[in-house]
Amino acid sequence: MVEIERVFWDLGRGISGARKIWRLLRREGITVARCTVERLMRRQGLCSAPDLVEAR
């Protein structure tokens, strides 16, 4: 969980989703399932920034 939170906050103030965090963890050599990253992010209250595109 510590690694997920570290990666989340290192990437520009928490604007990354679970898929990006999962890929960065894999790149750093930390093997974890994407669904586990999603579950741990939900448990910690971490979520990606919403899209800022307005509907017309």
Protein backbone atom coordinates (compact mmCIF):
# COMPACT_ATOMS: atom_id res chain seq x y z
CA MET A 1 0.00 0.00 0.00
CA VAL A 2 2.86 2.35 0.72
CA GLU A 3 4.20 1.96 -2.81
CA ILE A 4 0.81 2.72 -4.38
CA GLU A 5 0.44 5.88 -2.33
CA ARG A 6 4.01 6.96 -3.15
CA VAL A 7 3.51 6.49 -6.89
CA PHE A 8 0.09 8.19 -6.74
CA TRP A 9 1.45 11.37 -5.13
CA ASP A 10 4.71 11.40 -7.13
CA LEU A 11 2.84 11.65 -10.43
CA GLY A 12 1.71 15.24 -10.25
CA ARG A 13 -0.46 15.49 -7.17
CA GLY A 14 -2.60 12.42 -7.56
CA ILE A 15 -3.93 12.57 -11.09
CA SER A 16 -3.17 8.99 -12.08
CA GLY A 17 -5.59 6.12 -12.31
CA ALA A 18 -5.08 2.53 -11.27
CA ARG A 19 -3.83 1.45 -14.69
CA LYS A 20 -1.00 4.01 -14.74
CA ILE A 21 0.00 3.20 -11.19
CA TRP A 22 -0.06 -0.54 -11.98
CA ARG A 23 2.20 -0.01 -15.00
CA LEU A 24 4.65 2.14 -13.03
CA LEU A 25 4.83 -0.45 -10.25
CA ARG A 26 5.55 -3.17 -12.83
CA ARG A 27 8.25 -0.99 -14.37
CA GLU A 28 9.86 -0.64 -10.93
CA GLY A 29 9.85 -4.42 -10.51
CA ILE A 30 6.90 -4.69 -8.11
CA THR A 31 4.63 -7.50 -9.23
CA VAL A 32 0.99 -6.90 -8.35
CA ALA A 33 -2.34 -7.52 -10.07
CA ARG A 34 -4.19 -4.50 -11.45
CA CYS A 35 -7.35 -5.45 -9.58
CA THR A 36 -5.32 -5.41 -6.36
CA VAL A 37 -4.10 -1.89 -7.13
CA GLU A 38 -7.71 -0.83 -7.78
CA ARG A 39 -8.91 -2.38 -4.51
CA LEU A 40 -6.11 -0.84 -2.44
CA MET A 41 -6.67 2.57 -4.02
CA ARG A 42 -10.37 2.40 -3.11
CA ARG A 43 -9.49 1.36 0.44
CA GLN A 44 -7.12 4.34 0.79
CA GLY A 45 -9.55 6.77 -0.80
CA LEU A 46 -7.28 7.48 -3.76
CA CYS A 47 -8.96 8.17 -7.08
CA SER A 48 -7.98 9.72 -10.35
CA ALA A 49 -9.00 13.26 -11.27
CA PRO A 50 -12.30 13.50 -13.16
CA ASP A 51 -12.33 14.51 -16.80
CA LEU A 52 -12.65 18.26 -17.14
CA VAL A 53 -14.40 18.14 -20.51
CA GLU A 54 -17.89 19.62 -20.34
CA ALA A 55 -20.79 18.08 -22.19
CA ARG A 56 -22.54 20.30 -24.74
